[in-house]
Amino acid sequence: MSLSNFSRRSVLKGVVASAVAAPAISLTARTVNAADPVQIILNRYPAQEFFAERMKKVPGIDVNVQLMPNDKILELLNINLASGSSTFDIMPCNDTQVIRYAKNGWIRPLNDLWDKYKDEYQLGDIEKNFVAGSTVDGKLYQLPNEFNSHITMYRKDLYEEKGFRPEQTIQEFKDHAKALATDKMAGTVLLFRVGDQCATGATYYLNNVGDGWFHDDWRLAVNTPKGVQAVEFMRDMARYAQRGFTTASGDEGSLALYQGFAAMGHMWVTRASSMEDPKKSRVVGKIGYAAPAQGGQRLSLTGYAISKFSKKDPDVLFRVMLESVKEQAARDNITNNVPTRTSVLNDQELQSKYPYLVAANGAAKYGKTYPAAPFFSPVAEIVTRRIVQVMTDEMKAKEAMDLAAQEGNKYLVENGFLRG
């Protein structure tokens, strides 16, 4: 069943409710004329603050950027886009949000603009995997300018003692975790907090051991024989993981690595700087970086989209957005984000200064975004709760995954994504 068959009503269900429930905010849509500045809303963190400054300096274009926390942005976008407001012209998206926004008809396809500026801005240099992850039903909706992914971070000194090299297979990954585990040090790091963190970690195992998240008809595949085997594989890894892994996110996981409490593990590439920070890390210079064995780990993309309701010239808006993907911008912003351009990821001078870029390049080529479904997040929440119950020995893998599939499929039927 193609996602294009899902009704717009089913995608909107819950979004309107959340918009109504959200606190009222006075950002009323107004008549826009040519003299009005381009209105942009962005997340407040260093990488996006850098891009904001670049976009505000486009010659001949007046640009106003509002920076705020992500939860506030989601709240505002739900309210304004659901009502067809033209308050914002350019907005941030990630690979999961872009699916929902596109399905709802809230953002504009960018294919024509991409083709127009592809040569001038060397857009073919952007990793093809990121372009695919920004595409919905064959149409490009997001200009990707950042990405994050799990990479393997490992103690080079401990690997040398054991005669290990970075893993080539997922089985080697488990074998090394077991061999490196001691009473004082975890063999590996797991980030298995229920929700997005656990879904990110589980994606690697479901893609490499299981049958992925879904069957072709979008019913859950987590309880197939291979799916159950993937969860059992995770349970084996948990035997060698750091304490508290079922409530861990990037903060706790990176702490275990840079404080020397874990020998290796999958960690967000954006956490690499913590490993080399002498104010935090006890293992400066001892951490190696590699792309996850066999690939298939989750890629998380961030970029910009154009509101379908904007009254500005799309050509102008796209040229503003392009400032965030220029090669020089990617180089100048390298300490704040992981660039989407292959030329920057492959730059040997930068790789020598930032060794994690080699691993990031491999992760970019062989990783996978979440399944392209607007319902993924709530279904992943259901499944990851059951996965954690297996990790803590509350349930057996087969029983837990049968329940997860039953509950998840029921949600899809009840919300109009699947037929009963």
Protein backbone atom coordinates (compact mmCIF):
# COMPACT_ATOMS: atom_id res chain seq x y z
CA MET A 1 0.00 0.00 0.00
CA SER A 2 1.45 3.35 -1.02
CA LEU A 3 1.52 6.17 1.49
CA SER A 4 0.09 8.35 -1.22
CA ASN A 5 -3.21 6.52 -0.62
CA PHE A 6 -3.49 7.80 2.92
CA SER A 7 -6.17 10.45 3.27
CA ARG A 8 -5.21 13.97 4.19
CA ARG A 9 -7.80 13.74 6.94
CA SER A 10 -5.96 10.85 8.59
CA VAL A 11 -2.67 12.75 8.54
CA LEU A 12 -4.27 15.87 9.97
CA LYS A 13 -6.04 13.95 12.74
CA GLY A 14 -4.42 14.82 16.02
CA VAL A 15 -2.54 17.78 14.56
CA VAL A 16 -5.55 20.04 14.67
CA ALA A 17 -6.35 18.77 18.15
CA SER A 18 -2.86 19.60 19.37
CA ALA A 19 -3.08 23.03 17.77
CA VAL A 20 -6.36 23.74 19.54
CA ALA A 21 -4.96 22.50 22.83
CA ALA A 22 -1.81 24.62 22.51
CA PRO A 23 -1.66 27.92 24.40
CA ALA A 24 -2.90 30.88 22.37
CA ILE A 25 -0.05 32.93 20.96
CA SER A 26 -0.46 36.31 19.34
CA LEU A 27 1.18 35.81 15.96
CA THR A 28 -1.66 36.82 13.70
CA ALA A 29 -1.34 36.47 9.94
CA ARG A 30 -1.20 39.79 8.15
CA THR A 31 -1.29 41.08 4.61
CA VAL A 32 2.11 40.62 3.02
CA ASN A 33 3.46 42.92 0.36
CA ALA A 34 6.72 43.12 -1.51
CA ALA A 35 8.26 45.43 1.09
CA ASP A 36 7.74 42.98 3.96
CA PRO A 37 10.83 41.08 5.09
CA VAL A 38 11.16 37.35 4.58
CA GLN A 39 9.99 35.74 7.82
CA ILE A 40 12.01 32.79 9.09
CA ILE A 41 11.60 30.75 12.25
CA LEU A 42 14.59 28.64 13.39
CA ASN A 43 15.76 26.53 16.32
CA ARG A 44 17.95 28.32 18.83
CA TYR A 45 21.27 26.49 18.84
CA PRO A 46 24.72 27.40 17.46
CA ALA A 47 24.50 25.80 14.02
CA GLN A 48 21.17 27.44 13.21
CA GLU A 49 22.23 30.76 14.72
CA PHE A 50 25.19 30.71 12.31
CA PHE A 51 22.93 30.02 9.32
CA ALA A 52 20.56 32.76 10.46
CA GLU A 53 23.31 35.35 10.29
CA ARG A 54 24.28 34.19 6.79
CA MET A 55 20.73 34.38 5.51
CA LYS A 56 20.22 37.87 6.92
CA LYS A 57 23.06 39.15 4.76
CA VAL A 58 21.74 38.18 1.32
CA PRO A 59 22.12 41.35 -0.80
CA GLY A 60 18.88 43.12 -1.63
CA ILE A 61 16.65 40.88 0.52
CA ASP A 62 15.29 41.95 3.90
CA VAL A 63 15.23 38.92 6.20
CA ASN A 64 13.83 38.61 9.72
CA VAL A 65 14.75 35.51 11.74
CA GLN A 66 13.08 34.43 14.96
CA LEU A 67 15.08 31.95 17.07
CA MET A 68 13.33 29.87 19.71
CA PRO A 69 13.33 26.37 21.28
CA ASN A 70 12.15 23.48 19.14
CA ASP A 71 9.03 22.70 21.18
CA LYS A 72 7.82 26.28 20.77
CA ILE A 73 8.49 26.14 17.02
CA LEU A 74 6.44 22.97 16.63
CA GLU A 75 3.60 24.56 18.57
CA LEU A 76 3.63 27.69 16.43
CA LEU A 77 3.87 25.81 13.15
CA ASN A 78 0.99 23.52 14.06
CA ILE A 79 -1.21 26.53 14.80
CA ASN A 80 -0.21 28.67 11.84
CA LEU A 81 0.07 26.03 9.14
CA ALA A 82 -3.11 24.21 10.13
CA SER A 83 -4.98 27.52 9.69
CA GLY A 84 -3.30 28.36 6.37
CA SER A 85 -1.48 31.36 7.86
CA SER A 86 1.27 33.09 5.89
CA THR A 87 3.07 34.26 9.04
CA PHE A 88 6.22 32.26 8.25
CA ASP A 89 7.89 31.93 4.86
CA ILE A 90 10.78 29.59 5.69
CA MET A 91 10.71 26.99 8.44
CA PRO A 92 12.97 24.25 9.82
CA CYS A 93 12.13 20.59 9.24
CA ASN A 94 13.65 17.25 9.98
CA ASP A 95 13.14 14.06 7.99
CA THR A 96 10.11 13.02 10.04
CA GLN A 97 8.42 16.43 10.12
CA VAL A 98 8.83 16.95 6.38
CA ILE A 99 6.69 13.87 5.71
CA ARG A 100 3.82 15.15 7.84
CA TYR A 101 4.04 18.70 6.52
CA ALA A 102 4.13 17.47 2.91
CA LYS A 103 1.20 15.07 3.44
CA ASN A 104 -0.81 17.89 4.97
CA GLY A 105 -0.10 20.16 2.00
CA TRP A 106 1.69 22.69 4.20
CA ILE A 107 5.00 23.03 2.33
CA ARG A 108 5.97 23.67 -1.27
CA PRO A 109 7.83 21.17 -3.51
CA LEU A 110 11.33 22.41 -4.35
CA ASN A 111 12.17 20.38 -7.45
CA ASP A 112 11.89 23.28 -9.89
CA LEU A 113 14.05 25.52 -7.73
CA TRP A 114 16.60 22.77 -7.10
CA ASP A 115 16.94 22.20 -10.84
CA LYS A 116 17.25 25.92 -11.52
CA TYR A 117 20.09 26.48 -9.02
CA LYS A 118 21.72 23.05 -9.02
CA ASP A 119 24.73 24.01 -11.13
CA GLU A 120 25.26 27.51 -9.72
CA TYR A 121 25.32 26.26 -6.12
CA GLN A 122 26.79 22.80 -6.87
CA LEU A 123 23.86 21.06 -5.23
CA GLY A 124 25.00 17.74 -6.65
CA ASP A 125 27.65 17.85 -3.92
CA ILE A 126 24.96 17.27 -1.27
CA GLU A 127 24.94 13.59 -0.26
CA LYS A 128 22.32 11.75 -2.34
CA ASN A 129 21.07 9.90 0.74
CA PHE A 130 20.07 13.26 2.25
CA VAL A 131 18.20 14.33 -0.85
CA ALA A 132 16.30 11.04 -0.83
CA GLY A 133 15.47 11.52 2.86
CA SER A 134 14.04 14.97 2.07
CA THR A 135 11.77 13.62 -0.67
CA VAL A 136 8.13 12.58 -0.23
CA ASP A 137 6.22 10.78 -2.98
CA GLY A 138 8.91 11.69 -5.49
CA LYS A 139 8.96 15.41 -4.65
CA LEU A 140 11.73 17.26 -2.82
CA TYR A 141 10.35 19.33 0.06
CA GLN A 142 13.40 20.13 2.20
CA LEU A 143 16.83 21.63 1.55
CA PRO A 144 19.05 19.54 3.88
CA ASN A 145 21.82 21.51 5.59
CA GLU A 146 22.59 19.38 8.66
CA PHE A 147 22.60 15.74 9.58
CA ASN A 148 23.19 13.58 12.60
CA SER A 149 23.72 9.85 12.88
CA HIS A 150 25.07 7.23 15.19
CA ILE A 151 28.69 6.32 14.57
CA THR A 152 30.87 3.87 16.46
CA MET A 153 33.09 5.51 19.06
CA TYR A 154 35.67 3.20 20.57
CA ARG A 155 38.69 3.24 22.83
CA LYS A 156 41.70 2.88 20.53
CA ASP A 157 43.97 1.81 23.38
CA LEU A 158 41.62 -0.98 24.49
CA TYR A 159 41.11 -2.19 20.93
CA GLU A 160 44.87 -2.31 20.43
CA GLU A 161 45.30 -4.35 23.61
CA LYS A 162 42.73 -6.87 22.36
CA GLY A 163 44.02 -6.86 18.80
CA PHE A 164 40.66 -5.51 17.57
CA ARG A 165 39.95 -3.39 14.54
CA PRO A 166 36.73 -1.45 13.94
CA GLU A 167 33.94 -3.95 13.37
CA GLN A 168 33.02 -5.11 9.87
CA THR A 169 29.87 -7.00 10.90
CA ILE A 170 27.16 -6.62 13.50
CA GLN A 171 28.22 -9.96 15.01
CA GLU A 172 31.74 -8.60 15.54
CA PHE A 173 30.16 -5.59 17.20
CA LYS A 174 28.47 -7.86 19.75
CA ASP A 175 31.56 -10.04 20.19
CA HIS A 176 33.73 -6.99 20.91
CA ALA A 177 31.22 -5.62 23.41
CA LYS A 178 31.32 -8.91 25.29
CA ALA A 179 35.12 -9.11 25.23
CA LEU A 180 35.57 -5.54 26.45
CA ALA A 181 33.09 -5.68 29.33
CA THR A 182 34.60 -5.74 32.83
CA ASP A 183 33.29 -5.19 36.34
CA LYS A 184 34.39 -1.53 36.11
CA MET A 185 33.63 -0.78 32.47
CA ALA A 186 30.67 -1.46 30.23
CA GLY A 187 31.46 -3.20 26.99
CA THR A 188 29.17 -0.91 25.01
CA VAL A 189 26.87 2.09 25.25
CA LEU A 190 23.16 1.79 24.51
CA LEU A 191 20.72 4.72 24.25
CA PHE A 192 17.37 3.06 24.89
CA ARG A 193 15.14 5.68 26.46
CA VAL A 194 11.56 4.94 25.30
CA GLY A 195 10.68 6.93 22.19
CA ASP A 196 13.07 8.45 19.67
CA GLN A 197 16.31 7.39 21.37
CA CYS A 198 15.31 3.73 21.57
CA ALA A 199 13.80 3.85 18.07
CA THR A 200 17.10 5.20 16.74
CA GLY A 201 19.07 2.40 18.38
CA ALA A 202 16.56 -0.27 17.41
CA THR A 203 16.62 0.83 13.76
CA TYR A 204 20.18 -0.46 13.39
CA TYR A 205 19.28 -3.93 14.66
CA LEU A 206 15.95 -4.16 12.85
CA ASN A 207 17.63 -3.21 9.56
CA ASN A 208 20.57 -5.60 9.96
CA VAL A 209 19.06 -8.58 11.78
CA GLY A 210 15.32 -8.13 11.33
CA ASP A 211 12.99 -7.24 8.47
CA GLY A 212 12.96 -3.51 9.20
CA TRP A 213 10.06 -1.72 10.88
CA PHE A 214 7.26 -2.45 8.41
CA HIS A 215 6.03 -4.87 5.76
CA ASP A 216 5.31 -3.51 2.29
CA ASP A 217 1.68 -2.90 3.30
CA TRP A 218 2.82 -0.77 6.28
CA ARG A 219 1.86 -3.29 8.91
CA LEU A 220 4.53 -3.74 11.55
CA ALA A 221 7.24 -6.34 10.87
CA VAL A 222 8.79 -6.32 14.35
CA ASN A 223 7.24 -9.71 15.26
CA THR A 224 8.48 -11.70 12.26
CA PRO A 225 10.99 -14.45 13.13
CA LYS A 226 13.81 -12.11 12.06
CA GLY A 227 12.23 -9.20 13.93
CA VAL A 228 12.13 -11.22 17.14
CA GLN A 229 15.72 -12.30 16.50
CA ALA A 230 16.72 -8.62 16.19
CA VAL A 231 15.18 -7.83 19.58
CA GLU A 232 16.92 -10.83 21.11
CA PHE A 233 20.17 -9.51 19.62
CA MET A 234 19.50 -6.18 21.36
CA ARG A 235 18.89 -8.05 24.59
CA ASP A 236 22.28 -9.73 24.23
CA MET A 237 23.92 -6.33 23.72
CA ALA A 238 22.17 -5.05 26.85
CA ARG A 239 24.12 -7.56 28.95
CA TYR A 240 27.26 -5.54 28.24
CA ALA A 241 25.75 -2.04 28.37
CA GLN A 242 26.20 0.79 30.86
CA ARG A 243 23.91 1.10 33.86
CA GLY A 244 20.69 2.97 33.23
CA PHE A 245 20.73 2.37 29.49
CA THR A 246 16.93 2.11 29.34
CA THR A 247 16.65 5.78 30.35
CA ALA A 248 19.73 6.98 28.47
CA SER A 249 19.93 9.54 25.69
CA GLY A 250 22.94 11.26 24.15
CA ASP A 251 23.83 13.07 27.39
CA GLU A 252 24.13 9.93 29.48
CA GLY A 253 25.70 7.85 26.73
CA SER A 254 28.41 10.33 25.82
CA LEU A 255 29.18 10.81 29.53
CA ALA A 256 29.81 7.08 29.89
CA LEU A 257 32.26 7.19 26.99
CA TYR A 258 34.22 10.32 27.81
CA GLN A 259 34.40 9.50 31.52
CA GLY A 260 35.83 6.07 30.73
CA PHE A 261 32.85 4.04 31.95
CA ALA A 262 32.28 2.34 28.58
CA ALA A 263 34.69 0.91 26.02
CA MET A 264 32.74 1.65 22.85
CA GLY A 265 29.29 1.97 21.37
CA HIS A 266 27.04 3.80 18.96
CA MET A 267 26.83 7.51 19.70
CA TRP A 268 25.53 10.59 17.90
CA VAL A 269 28.28 12.06 15.73
CA THR A 270 27.54 15.52 17.16
CA ARG A 271 28.84 14.24 20.50
CA ALA A 272 32.35 13.68 19.14
CA SER A 273 33.55 17.10 20.32
CA SER A 274 32.85 16.05 23.92
CA MET A 275 35.32 13.19 23.59
CA GLU A 276 38.12 15.63 22.71
CA ASP A 277 37.24 18.33 25.27
CA PRO A 278 39.85 18.29 28.07
CA LYS A 279 37.39 20.09 30.36
CA LYS A 280 35.04 17.10 30.16
CA SER A 281 36.87 14.08 28.87
CA ARG A 282 39.24 11.67 30.60
CA VAL A 283 40.00 9.96 27.29
CA VAL A 284 41.17 12.83 25.06
CA GLY A 285 43.02 11.38 22.07
CA LYS A 286 42.02 7.82 22.93
CA ILE A 287 38.71 7.66 21.05
CA GLY A 288 38.50 6.31 17.53
CA TYR A 289 35.59 6.83 15.16
CA ALA A 290 34.11 4.48 12.56
CA ALA A 291 30.91 4.13 10.57
CA PRO A 292 28.59 1.49 12.10
CA ALA A 293 29.30 -2.01 10.83
CA GLN A 294 27.05 -2.94 7.86
CA GLY A 295 25.38 0.49 7.86
CA GLY A 296 21.62 0.71 8.23
CA GLN A 297 21.76 2.96 11.28
CA ARG A 298 19.37 5.88 11.51
CA LEU A 299 20.13 9.11 9.69
CA SER A 300 18.53 12.24 11.09
CA LEU A 301 18.27 15.14 8.63
CA THR A 302 17.59 18.80 9.25
CA GLY A 303 16.87 21.44 6.65
CA TYR A 304 14.58 24.22 5.54
CA ALA A 305 11.22 24.20 3.77
CA ILE A 306 9.02 26.87 2.18
CA SER A 307 5.52 27.37 3.51
CA LYS A 308 2.79 26.58 0.97
CA PHE A 309 0.96 29.66 2.29
CA SER A 310 3.82 32.13 1.86
CA LYS A 311 3.03 35.08 -0.40
CA LYS A 312 6.70 35.74 -1.13
CA ASP A 313 8.43 34.87 -4.40
CA PRO A 314 9.59 31.23 -4.00
CA ASP A 315 12.69 32.05 -6.02
CA VAL A 316 13.70 34.69 -3.48
CA LEU A 317 13.00 32.36 -0.56
CA PHE A 318 15.04 29.54 -2.07
CA ARG A 319 18.02 31.82 -2.68
CA VAL A 320 17.89 32.81 0.99
CA MET A 321 17.81 29.15 2.02
CA LEU A 322 20.75 28.35 -0.27
CA GLU A 323 23.02 30.44 1.95
CA SER A 324 22.89 27.60 4.47
CA VAL A 325 24.27 24.99 2.04
CA LYS A 326 27.06 26.94 0.39
CA GLU A 327 30.37 25.11 0.68
CA GLN A 328 32.02 27.98 2.53
CA ALA A 329 29.15 28.13 5.02
CA ALA A 330 29.55 24.38 5.67
CA ARG A 331 33.27 24.85 6.29
CA ASP A 332 32.85 27.89 8.51
CA ASN A 333 30.15 26.14 10.57
CA ILE A 334 32.05 22.86 10.94
CA THR A 335 32.44 23.16 14.73
CA ASN A 336 28.68 23.51 15.17
CA ASN A 337 27.21 20.99 12.76
CA VAL A 338 27.90 18.01 10.53
CA PRO A 339 27.74 19.24 6.92
CA THR A 340 25.71 17.65 4.18
CA ARG A 341 28.26 18.29 1.41
CA THR A 342 30.44 15.33 0.44
CA SER A 343 33.32 17.63 -0.53
CA VAL A 344 33.50 18.91 3.03
CA LEU A 345 33.09 15.48 4.62
CA ASN A 346 35.90 14.18 2.39
CA ASP A 347 38.29 17.10 2.90
CA GLN A 348 41.52 15.53 4.17
CA GLU A 349 42.68 18.64 5.99
CA LEU A 350 39.39 18.84 7.87
CA GLN A 351 39.46 15.09 8.54
CA SER A 352 42.87 15.38 10.17
CA LYS A 353 41.53 18.11 12.46
CA TYR A 354 38.12 16.50 13.01
CA PRO A 355 38.70 12.72 12.67
CA TYR A 356 35.04 11.90 13.21
CA LEU A 357 34.30 13.25 9.71
CA VAL A 358 35.61 10.02 8.17
CA ALA A 359 33.07 8.03 10.18
CA ALA A 360 30.37 10.62 9.45
CA ASN A 361 31.00 10.25 5.73
CA GLY A 362 30.51 6.48 5.90
CA ALA A 363 27.43 6.89 8.07
CA ALA A 364 25.99 9.35 5.56
CA LYS A 365 26.38 6.93 2.67
CA TYR A 366 25.08 3.78 4.35
CA GLY A 367 22.60 5.00 6.94
CA LYS A 368 18.83 5.16 6.53
CA THR A 369 16.24 7.70 7.56
CA TYR A 370 13.19 6.54 9.48
CA PRO A 371 10.46 4.91 7.36
CA ALA A 372 8.71 7.57 5.28
CA ALA A 373 5.42 7.48 7.15
CA PRO A 374 3.64 10.34 8.96
CA PHE A 375 2.58 7.96 11.71
CA PHE A 376 6.05 6.65 12.56
CA SER A 377 6.63 8.51 15.83
CA PRO A 378 3.51 7.33 17.71
CA VAL A 379 3.98 3.77 16.45
CA ALA A 380 7.66 3.81 17.46
CA GLU A 381 6.59 4.94 20.93
CA ILE A 382 4.37 1.84 21.21
CA VAL A 383 7.07 -0.53 19.95
CA THR A 384 9.93 0.89 22.01
CA ARG A 385 7.97 0.51 25.24
CA ARG A 386 7.76 -3.22 24.51
CA ILE A 387 11.43 -3.38 23.49
CA VAL A 388 12.48 -1.88 26.82
CA GLN A 389 10.39 -4.50 28.62
CA VAL A 390 12.47 -7.14 26.87
CA MET A 391 15.71 -5.35 27.79
CA THR A 392 14.72 -5.40 31.46
CA ASP A 393 13.58 -9.05 31.36
CA GLU A 394 9.95 -8.17 32.03
CA MET A 395 8.86 -9.97 28.86
CA LYS A 396 10.21 -12.43 26.33
CA ALA A 397 10.99 -11.04 22.88
CA LYS A 398 8.31 -13.01 20.99
CA GLU A 399 5.53 -12.12 23.40
CA ALA A 400 6.56 -8.46 23.52
CA MET A 401 6.85 -8.05 19.76
CA ASP A 402 3.53 -9.79 19.11
CA LEU A 403 1.91 -7.29 21.46
CA ALA A 404 3.79 -4.39 19.90
CA ALA A 405 2.63 -5.38 16.41
CA GLN A 406 -0.95 -5.86 17.61
CA GLU A 407 -1.04 -2.50 19.41
CA GLY A 408 0.76 -0.62 16.65
CA ASN A 409 -1.42 -2.00 13.86
CA LYS A 410 -4.53 -1.24 15.91
CA TYR A 411 -3.38 2.38 16.18
CA LEU A 412 -2.89 2.55 12.40
CA VAL A 413 -6.37 1.19 11.72
CA GLU A 414 -8.11 3.35 14.30
CA ASN A 415 -6.44 6.50 12.95
CA GLY A 416 -7.24 5.77 9.32
CA PHE A 417 -3.75 4.83 8.12
CA LEU A 418 -4.65 1.20 7.45
CA ARG A 419 -7.79 -0.71 6.64
CA GLY A 420 -8.85 -3.23 9.24
